[in-house]
Amino acid sequence: MEEPANHVAPIIRPPLASAVARDLCTDCGISRTSDPKACGRACQFIRPDYNALERRVHGRTRDPQRADEMHFGPFRRMVRASLTPAIAGAQWTGITTRIAERLLETGAVDAVLTMAPDAADKWRPVPVLVTKAEGMAACRGMRMGYAPLLALLEPARDRGFKRLAVIGIPCQVHALRALEREYNFERLYVIGTPCSDNTTTERFHDFLKLLDDDPDTITYLEFRADYRVELRFSDDRTRIIPFLKLPISKLPRDFFPLTCRTCVDYTNVLADITVGYMGGQGEQWLLVRNERGEELLGLLGNEIRISEPGSAGKRAGPVKSFMANVERAAGGLPLRSMPDWLRPIFGWLMPRVGPRGLEFARARVEMKAVETVLHLRREHPRRLRNMVPDHVWELVRPYGLERGEDERR
């Protein structure tokens, strides 16, 4: 007889099948299931239909007449938020972790499908099923690398879990939404985090080596909305590095795979609630997208402090500069390097006069849209027709990128 869900271990780590080799694949986990051909129905990089999925998940598509929905997707409200007190060891204040804990504490779900660190490498993500709130402590923080999250949908179903929460990045959430009816869970909550640039865990270790002479002591890394990267170390040191001083020009050209350079869903539009930082100005940024998202936020009660997000600066200049660099990179030319004497000046100016808050978030979404079009035109022009939805073309039009006749669906 199947053991009752409330008697299982706090964290379940089922074995993973091997991935099936795919073109433009982030290994979301679907190819590791008993039906690897489901990739053709699920993958964000084959023939996504965001309008249909948005309508199914949120009851409507993004509204061009509603401020910011062309950039961020359908939402009921956006807020700037902080958990009080913050959860120790969390990436920001721990909102994602705490929502998952509350779902388990209240019995709203049988399990949470999320990522935990590999036993041998704290930066490598491993999919797990968490069945008790105390198990979420092991899942705090950021990890880098391909993460076959959805490979555990079948083990979750086979163990009798009927109510499930999933914490995922956009390519995982897209595949989940495309297939969720086939898994027939009684209740499904989706907590999304924004994502734009991933790489393999091995390549991420190479990046850490460029940042510090003792990379093994780095315990935390975060790209912040104030144009700085924050590092924390095992001896409690903290180090802040301006974006302009990052060794990006030393990374190999394929450090970020083409999938991540051509992702059109930075803000995870198919989640019930998106929990990120881009529009938070030092706090977290939440997009409550539907009724279920409201329910998730409501679980936090007085534990969360919310306010209206701010916006300042202008995004056009930074996006144009980014576009020029991408055009050079897509053409195989080296990135332009800013003279060292200018770096401290621009490092001081950008957090003060560059786009901040929601304008920073809009800038990043437009940068990703520009990057998608330029790289696909260079490397997979035939995929533009199916991979790039209409709203992305609207975002890049102000920068002189128009859809050609052979790029229309």
Protein backbone atom coordinates (compact mmCIF):
# COMPACT_ATOMS: atom_id res chain seq x y z
CA MET A 1 0.00 0.00 0.00
CA GLU A 2 1.22 3.51 -0.81
CA GLU A 3 2.54 5.25 2.30
CA PRO A 4 0.42 8.30 3.21
CA ALA A 5 1.91 11.58 2.02
CA ASN A 6 2.17 12.96 5.56
CA HIS A 7 4.47 10.09 6.58
CA VAL A 8 7.05 10.48 3.82
CA ALA A 9 10.46 12.10 4.23
CA PRO A 10 10.62 15.94 4.24
CA ILE A 11 12.61 15.88 0.99
CA ILE A 12 12.33 13.21 -1.70
CA ARG A 13 15.04 12.93 -4.36
CA PRO A 14 13.86 10.36 -6.93
CA PRO A 15 16.44 9.04 -9.41
CA LEU A 16 16.57 10.80 -12.76
CA ALA A 17 16.48 9.18 -16.17
CA SER A 18 18.92 10.37 -18.82
CA ALA A 19 17.97 13.36 -20.95
CA VAL A 20 17.17 12.92 -24.61
CA ALA A 21 19.39 15.09 -26.80
CA ARG A 22 17.47 18.04 -28.21
CA ASP A 23 18.30 21.13 -30.22
CA LEU A 24 17.78 24.38 -28.28
CA CYS A 25 17.09 22.54 -25.02
CA THR A 26 17.40 23.71 -21.41
CA ASP A 27 16.64 20.23 -20.02
CA CYS A 28 13.43 21.19 -18.25
CA GLY A 29 13.00 17.49 -17.50
CA ILE A 30 10.24 16.49 -19.91
CA SER A 31 12.62 14.49 -22.11
CA ARG A 32 13.47 12.40 -19.02
CA THR A 33 9.86 11.28 -18.51
CA SER A 34 8.19 8.14 -19.87
CA ASP A 35 6.99 10.22 -22.84
CA PRO A 36 9.98 12.20 -24.13
CA LYS A 37 8.07 13.00 -27.33
CA ALA A 38 5.97 15.36 -25.20
CA CYS A 39 8.76 17.89 -25.73
CA GLY A 40 7.17 18.65 -29.09
CA ARG A 41 3.95 19.74 -27.35
CA ALA A 42 5.59 21.50 -24.44
CA CYS A 43 8.79 23.26 -25.45
CA GLN A 44 9.07 27.03 -25.37
CA PHE A 45 11.66 26.87 -28.16
CA ILE A 46 9.62 24.96 -30.74
CA ARG A 47 6.25 26.59 -31.37
CA PRO A 48 5.00 28.45 -28.29
CA ASP A 49 1.48 29.83 -28.21
CA TYR A 50 1.55 32.39 -25.43
CA ASN A 51 -1.88 33.78 -26.25
CA ALA A 52 -3.55 30.40 -25.81
CA LEU A 53 -1.67 29.56 -22.62
CA GLU A 54 -2.20 33.02 -21.10
CA ARG A 55 -5.90 32.72 -21.81
CA ARG A 56 -6.06 29.27 -20.23
CA VAL A 57 -4.03 30.21 -17.13
CA HIS A 58 -5.16 33.80 -16.52
CA GLY A 59 -8.47 33.96 -18.34
CA ARG A 60 -7.15 36.54 -20.83
CA THR A 61 -4.11 37.55 -22.85
CA ARG A 62 -1.92 40.58 -22.19
CA ASP A 63 -3.75 43.87 -22.76
CA PRO A 64 -1.81 46.44 -24.84
CA GLN A 65 -3.97 49.22 -23.35
CA ARG A 66 -2.94 48.32 -19.80
CA ALA A 67 0.33 49.79 -18.58
CA ASP A 68 3.26 47.35 -18.65
CA GLU A 69 1.41 44.22 -19.75
CA MET A 70 3.21 44.18 -23.09
CA HIS A 71 6.46 44.02 -21.14
CA PHE A 72 5.52 41.84 -18.17
CA GLY A 73 2.48 39.81 -19.27
CA PRO A 74 -0.98 39.66 -17.66
CA PHE A 75 -1.14 40.66 -14.00
CA ARG A 76 -3.67 41.87 -11.47
CA ARG A 77 -1.20 43.98 -9.54
CA MET A 78 2.49 44.60 -9.03
CA VAL A 79 3.98 45.33 -5.63
CA ARG A 80 7.34 45.94 -4.02
CA ALA A 81 7.66 43.60 -1.08
CA SER A 82 9.82 42.36 1.79
CA LEU A 83 9.32 39.52 4.21
CA THR A 84 9.54 40.62 7.85
CA PRO A 85 11.67 39.26 9.29
CA ALA A 86 13.71 38.05 6.34
CA ILE A 87 14.52 34.33 6.24
CA ALA A 88 18.19 33.71 7.04
CA GLY A 89 20.09 32.28 4.09
CA ALA A 90 17.43 33.24 1.53
CA GLN A 91 18.40 34.83 -1.77
CA TRP A 92 16.53 38.04 -0.94
CA THR A 93 14.11 38.12 1.97
CA GLY A 94 12.75 34.62 1.34
CA ILE A 95 9.28 35.27 -0.08
CA THR A 96 9.33 32.28 -2.43
CA THR A 97 10.52 29.95 0.33
CA ARG A 98 7.94 31.25 2.79
CA ILE A 99 5.02 30.88 0.36
CA ALA A 100 6.03 27.26 -0.17
CA GLU A 101 6.33 26.69 3.58
CA ARG A 102 2.86 28.15 4.14
CA LEU A 103 1.36 25.92 1.45
CA LEU A 104 2.75 22.89 3.28
CA GLU A 105 1.90 24.18 6.76
CA THR A 106 -1.73 24.79 5.82
CA GLY A 107 -2.12 21.50 4.00
CA ALA A 108 -2.95 23.27 0.74
CA VAL A 109 -0.51 20.98 -1.10
CA ASP A 110 0.89 17.50 -0.64
CA ALA A 111 4.31 18.49 -1.95
CA VAL A 112 6.38 21.32 -3.44
CA LEU A 113 8.43 20.57 -6.55
CA THR A 114 11.53 22.73 -6.48
CA MET A 115 15.34 22.71 -6.53
CA ALA A 116 17.88 21.86 -3.84
CA PRO A 117 21.68 21.89 -4.04
CA ASP A 118 23.56 18.80 -5.13
CA ALA A 119 25.31 17.07 -2.23
CA ALA A 120 28.68 17.40 -3.94
CA ASP A 121 28.26 20.91 -5.40
CA LYS A 122 26.27 23.67 -3.70
CA TRP A 123 25.82 25.51 -7.01
CA ARG A 124 24.34 22.57 -8.95
CA PRO A 125 20.51 22.38 -8.90
CA VAL A 126 18.82 19.04 -8.24
CA PRO A 127 15.02 18.62 -8.45
CA VAL A 128 13.30 17.50 -5.25
CA LEU A 129 9.84 16.99 -3.83
CA VAL A 130 9.42 18.71 -0.45
CA THR A 131 6.62 17.30 1.69
CA LYS A 132 7.12 19.16 4.99
CA ALA A 133 7.63 22.86 5.60
CA GLU A 134 10.97 22.33 7.37
CA GLY A 135 12.34 20.77 4.22
CA MET A 136 12.20 24.11 2.38
CA ALA A 137 15.20 25.40 4.38
CA ALA A 138 17.46 23.20 2.26
CA CYS A 139 16.13 24.82 -0.93
CA ARG A 140 16.92 28.45 -0.19
CA GLY A 141 19.14 30.51 -2.45
CA MET A 142 20.21 30.55 -6.08
CA ARG A 143 21.84 27.77 -8.09
CA MET A 144 23.19 27.87 -11.62
CA GLY A 145 22.88 25.18 -14.26
CA TYR A 146 20.37 23.13 -16.18
CA ALA A 147 17.74 21.78 -13.85
CA PRO A 148 15.40 18.94 -14.99
CA LEU A 149 12.62 20.01 -12.63
CA LEU A 150 9.72 18.50 -14.54
CA ALA A 151 11.24 15.01 -14.54
CA LEU A 152 9.65 14.69 -11.08
CA LEU A 153 6.06 15.28 -12.23
CA GLU A 154 5.59 11.55 -12.79
CA PRO A 155 7.15 10.52 -9.44
CA ALA A 156 4.91 13.08 -7.72
CA ARG A 157 1.81 11.65 -9.38
CA ASP A 158 2.91 8.04 -8.79
CA ARG A 159 3.34 8.74 -5.07
CA GLY A 160 -0.25 9.85 -4.86
CA PHE A 161 0.39 13.59 -4.56
CA LYS A 162 -2.75 15.19 -5.91
CA ARG A 163 -2.12 18.80 -4.90
CA LEU A 164 1.23 20.19 -6.01
CA ALA A 165 3.10 23.47 -5.96
CA VAL A 166 5.89 24.05 -8.47
CA ILE A 167 8.62 26.67 -8.20
CA GLY A 168 10.22 27.16 -11.59
CA ILE A 169 11.89 29.37 -14.16
CA PRO A 170 10.13 30.34 -17.43
CA CYS A 171 11.16 27.45 -19.69
CA GLN A 172 10.08 24.97 -17.00
CA VAL A 173 6.80 26.76 -16.34
CA HIS A 174 5.95 26.97 -20.05
CA ALA A 175 6.35 23.21 -20.45
CA LEU A 176 4.40 22.59 -17.23
CA ARG A 177 1.48 24.72 -18.41
CA ALA A 178 1.44 23.09 -21.83
CA LEU A 179 1.16 19.63 -20.24
CA GLU A 180 -0.60 20.22 -16.92
CA ARG A 181 -3.94 18.81 -18.10
CA GLU A 182 -2.23 15.55 -18.99
CA TYR A 183 -1.01 15.11 -15.39
CA ASN A 184 -4.44 15.85 -13.96
CA PHE A 185 -3.43 17.16 -10.54
CA GLU A 186 -6.42 18.21 -8.43
CA ARG A 187 -4.69 21.46 -7.51
CA LEU A 188 -1.61 23.11 -8.97
CA TYR A 189 0.08 26.27 -7.73
CA VAL A 190 2.86 27.79 -9.83
CA ILE A 191 5.38 30.17 -8.26
CA GLY A 192 7.60 31.62 -10.95
CA THR A 193 10.96 33.35 -10.75
CA PRO A 194 12.32 35.54 -13.56
CA CYS A 195 15.21 34.20 -15.59
CA SER A 196 17.19 35.34 -18.59
CA ASP A 197 20.71 33.96 -18.66
CA ASN A 198 21.67 30.50 -17.49
CA THR A 199 24.71 28.36 -18.18
CA THR A 200 26.06 24.99 -17.14
CA THR A 201 27.20 24.60 -13.56
CA GLU A 202 30.71 23.89 -14.85
CA ARG A 203 30.80 27.16 -16.77
CA PHE A 204 29.44 28.99 -13.73
CA HIS A 205 32.40 27.75 -11.71
CA ASP A 206 34.68 29.25 -14.38
CA PHE A 207 32.89 32.57 -13.91
CA LEU A 208 33.38 32.42 -10.14
CA LYS A 209 37.10 31.87 -10.68
CA LEU A 210 37.23 35.16 -12.60
CA LEU A 211 35.50 36.98 -9.74
CA ASP A 212 37.67 35.88 -6.83
CA ASP A 213 40.96 34.17 -6.09
CA ASP A 214 39.22 31.77 -3.71
CA PRO A 215 35.93 30.95 -5.48
CA ASP A 216 35.14 27.97 -3.26
CA THR A 217 34.46 30.37 -0.39
CA ILE A 218 31.69 32.21 -2.29
CA THR A 219 28.33 31.23 -0.79
CA TYR A 220 26.00 33.77 -2.43
CA LEU A 221 25.84 35.67 -5.71
CA GLU A 222 23.13 38.08 -6.82
CA PHE A 223 22.81 40.45 -9.77
CA ARG A 224 21.09 43.42 -8.19
CA ALA A 225 18.89 46.13 -9.70
CA ASP A 226 21.38 48.83 -8.61
CA TYR A 227 23.87 47.73 -11.31
CA ARG A 228 26.01 45.75 -8.87
CA VAL A 229 26.70 42.13 -8.10
CA GLU A 230 26.76 41.10 -4.46
CA LEU A 231 29.03 38.28 -3.29
CA ARG A 232 28.99 36.74 0.16
CA PHE A 233 31.67 34.46 1.54
CA SER A 234 31.90 31.64 4.05
CA ASP A 235 33.82 33.89 6.46
CA ASP A 236 30.89 36.40 6.48
CA ARG A 237 32.64 38.87 4.16
CA THR A 238 30.57 40.74 1.57
CA ARG A 239 31.87 42.14 -1.69
CA ILE A 240 30.05 44.41 -4.15
CA ILE A 241 31.15 44.54 -7.81
CA PRO A 242 29.70 47.10 -10.26
CA PHE A 243 28.37 45.51 -13.45
CA LEU A 244 30.90 47.48 -15.50
CA LYS A 245 33.76 45.78 -13.65
CA LEU A 246 32.55 42.24 -14.30
CA PRO A 247 34.89 40.16 -16.51
CA ILE A 248 32.22 39.60 -19.17
CA SER A 249 34.68 40.08 -22.05
CA LYS A 250 36.75 37.17 -20.70
CA LEU A 251 33.88 34.70 -20.99
CA PRO A 252 33.73 32.39 -24.03
CA ARG A 253 31.26 33.39 -26.74
CA ASP A 254 29.00 30.42 -25.97
CA PHE A 255 29.07 30.91 -22.19
CA PHE A 256 25.33 31.62 -22.31
CA PRO A 257 23.60 29.04 -24.56
CA LEU A 258 21.47 30.15 -27.49
CA THR A 259 18.33 29.10 -25.64
CA CYS A 260 18.95 31.71 -22.95
CA ARG A 261 19.95 34.33 -25.51
CA THR A 262 16.63 33.78 -27.32
CA CYS A 263 14.20 33.47 -24.41
CA VAL A 264 11.14 35.71 -24.76
CA ASP A 265 9.71 35.10 -21.28
CA TYR A 266 12.00 36.86 -18.82
CA THR A 267 9.15 37.56 -16.37
CA ASN A 268 7.61 34.07 -16.25
CA VAL A 269 4.19 35.12 -17.51
CA LEU A 270 2.50 31.73 -17.04
CA ALA A 271 3.11 31.56 -13.29
CA ASP A 272 0.33 32.35 -10.81
CA ILE A 273 2.72 34.74 -9.09
CA THR A 274 6.15 35.92 -10.22
CA VAL A 275 8.64 36.64 -7.45
CA GLY A 276 11.72 38.57 -8.58
CA TYR A 277 13.77 41.67 -7.92
CA MET A 278 14.03 43.76 -11.10
CA GLY A 279 11.35 46.29 -10.22
CA GLY A 280 11.92 46.16 -6.49
CA GLN A 281 14.59 48.85 -5.99
CA GLY A 282 16.29 46.98 -3.17
CA GLU A 283 13.26 44.90 -2.26
CA GLN A 284 11.50 42.07 -4.06
CA TRP A 285 9.10 42.61 -6.94
CA LEU A 286 5.90 40.60 -7.14
CA LEU A 287 3.53 40.23 -10.08
CA VAL A 288 0.25 38.75 -8.88
CA ARG A 289 -1.18 37.37 -12.09
CA ASN A 290 -4.46 35.66 -11.22
CA GLU A 291 -6.78 34.59 -8.41
CA ARG A 292 -4.47 31.75 -7.40
CA GLY A 293 -1.60 34.23 -7.20
CA GLU A 294 -3.67 36.35 -4.82
CA GLU A 295 -4.24 33.26 -2.72
CA LEU A 296 -0.48 32.61 -2.57
CA LEU A 297 0.32 36.16 -1.50
CA GLY A 298 -2.49 36.05 1.03
CA LEU A 299 -0.83 33.10 2.77
CA LEU A 300 1.85 35.46 4.08
CA GLY A 301 -0.56 37.70 5.98
CA ASN A 302 1.26 40.19 8.22
CA GLU A 303 4.60 38.56 7.51
CA ILE A 304 5.00 40.63 4.35
CA ARG A 305 5.34 44.38 3.88
CA ILE A 306 4.19 45.69 0.50
CA SER A 307 4.26 49.06 -1.26
CA GLU A 308 3.86 50.49 -4.73
CA PRO A 309 6.86 49.96 -7.03
CA GLY A 310 8.72 53.06 -8.18
CA SER A 311 10.17 54.02 -11.55
CA ALA A 312 12.90 56.45 -12.57
CA GLY A 313 15.37 57.17 -15.35
CA LYS A 314 15.14 56.43 -19.07
CA ARG A 315 15.73 53.06 -20.66
CA ALA A 316 16.21 53.96 -24.34
CA GLY A 317 19.92 54.83 -24.11
CA PRO A 318 21.00 51.69 -22.22
CA VAL A 319 18.92 49.46 -24.48
CA LYS A 320 20.49 51.00 -27.60
CA SER A 321 23.97 50.51 -26.15
CA PHE A 322 23.14 46.92 -25.32
CA MET A 323 21.83 46.38 -28.84
CA ALA A 324 25.09 47.66 -30.34
CA ASN A 325 27.08 45.22 -28.23
CA VAL A 326 24.80 42.31 -29.15
CA GLU A 327 25.14 43.15 -32.84
CA ARG A 328 28.91 42.96 -32.49
CA ALA A 329 28.77 39.72 -30.51
CA ALA A 330 26.26 38.11 -32.88
CA GLY A 331 28.61 38.96 -35.73
CA GLY A 332 31.55 37.31 -34.02
CA LEU A 333 33.29 40.57 -33.09
CA PRO A 334 34.71 41.20 -29.62
CA LEU A 335 32.68 43.22 -27.17
CA ARG A 336 33.75 46.82 -26.81
CA SER A 337 35.69 47.37 -23.62
CA MET A 338 35.20 50.60 -21.68
CA PRO A 339 38.45 52.38 -20.74
CA ASP A 340 39.37 51.67 -17.13
CA TRP A 341 39.34 55.35 -16.19
CA LEU A 342 35.67 55.62 -17.24
CA ARG A 343 34.44 52.61 -15.31
CA PRO A 344 34.32 54.22 -11.84
CA ILE A 345 32.49 57.23 -13.28
CA PHE A 346 29.81 55.19 -15.01
CA GLY A 347 29.66 52.81 -12.05
CA TRP A 348 28.77 55.79 -9.86
CA LEU A 349 26.34 57.33 -12.37
CA MET A 350 24.21 54.33 -13.39
CA PRO A 351 22.53 53.65 -10.00
CA ARG A 352 21.72 57.37 -9.81
CA VAL A 353 20.64 58.33 -13.34
CA GLY A 354 20.11 55.01 -15.15
CA PRO A 355 16.74 53.25 -15.30
CA ARG A 356 15.54 52.18 -11.85
CA GLY A 357 12.58 50.30 -10.50
CA LEU A 358 10.00 49.45 -13.16
CA GLU A 359 12.02 51.30 -15.79
CA PHE A 360 14.94 48.98 -15.05
CA ALA A 361 12.61 45.99 -15.47
CA ARG A 362 11.28 47.36 -18.77
CA ALA A 363 14.84 47.90 -19.97
CA ARG A 364 15.84 44.30 -19.21
CA VAL A 365 12.76 42.91 -20.96
CA GLU A 366 13.47 45.03 -24.05
CA MET A 367 17.13 43.97 -23.99
CA LYS A 368 16.07 40.33 -23.97
CA ALA A 369 13.67 40.97 -26.86
CA VAL A 370 16.39 42.66 -28.91
CA GLU A 371 18.83 39.88 -28.10
CA THR A 372 16.34 37.23 -29.19
CA VAL A 373 15.74 38.74 -32.62
CA LEU A 374 19.40 39.46 -33.36
CA HIS A 375 20.70 36.04 -32.36
CA LEU A 376 17.95 34.09 -34.10
CA ARG A 377 18.43 36.07 -37.31
CA ARG A 378 22.10 35.19 -37.17
CA GLU A 379 21.96 31.54 -36.10
CA HIS A 380 18.43 30.17 -36.71
CA PRO A 381 16.53 32.56 -39.00
CA ARG A 382 13.85 29.97 -39.83
CA ARG A 383 12.89 29.76 -36.17
CA LEU A 384 11.93 33.42 -35.92
CA ARG A 385 8.51 32.75 -37.39
CA ASN A 386 7.52 30.27 -34.67
CA MET A 387 9.59 31.27 -31.65
CA VAL A 388 8.99 35.03 -31.49
CA PRO A 389 5.44 36.09 -30.52
CA ASP A 390 3.78 39.30 -31.71
CA HIS A 391 4.31 41.26 -28.50
CA VAL A 392 8.10 40.84 -28.74
CA TRP A 393 8.09 42.51 -32.15
CA GLU A 394 6.22 45.43 -30.60
CA LEU A 395 8.95 45.80 -27.97
CA VAL A 396 11.82 45.88 -30.49
CA ARG A 397 10.17 48.17 -33.05
CA PRO A 398 11.33 51.40 -31.31
CA TYR A 399 14.90 50.20 -31.85
CA GLY A 400 14.55 49.78 -35.61
CA LEU A 401 13.91 46.03 -35.66
CA GLU A 402 10.98 45.21 -37.91
CA ARG A 403 9.57 41.78 -38.70
CA GLY A 404 10.21 40.69 -42.26
CA GLU A 405 7.63 38.96 -44.40
CA ASP A 406 9.39 35.59 -44.02
CA GLU A 407 9.37 36.07 -40.23
CA ARG A 408 5.59 36.13 -39.90
CA ARG A 409 3.56 33.17 -38.76
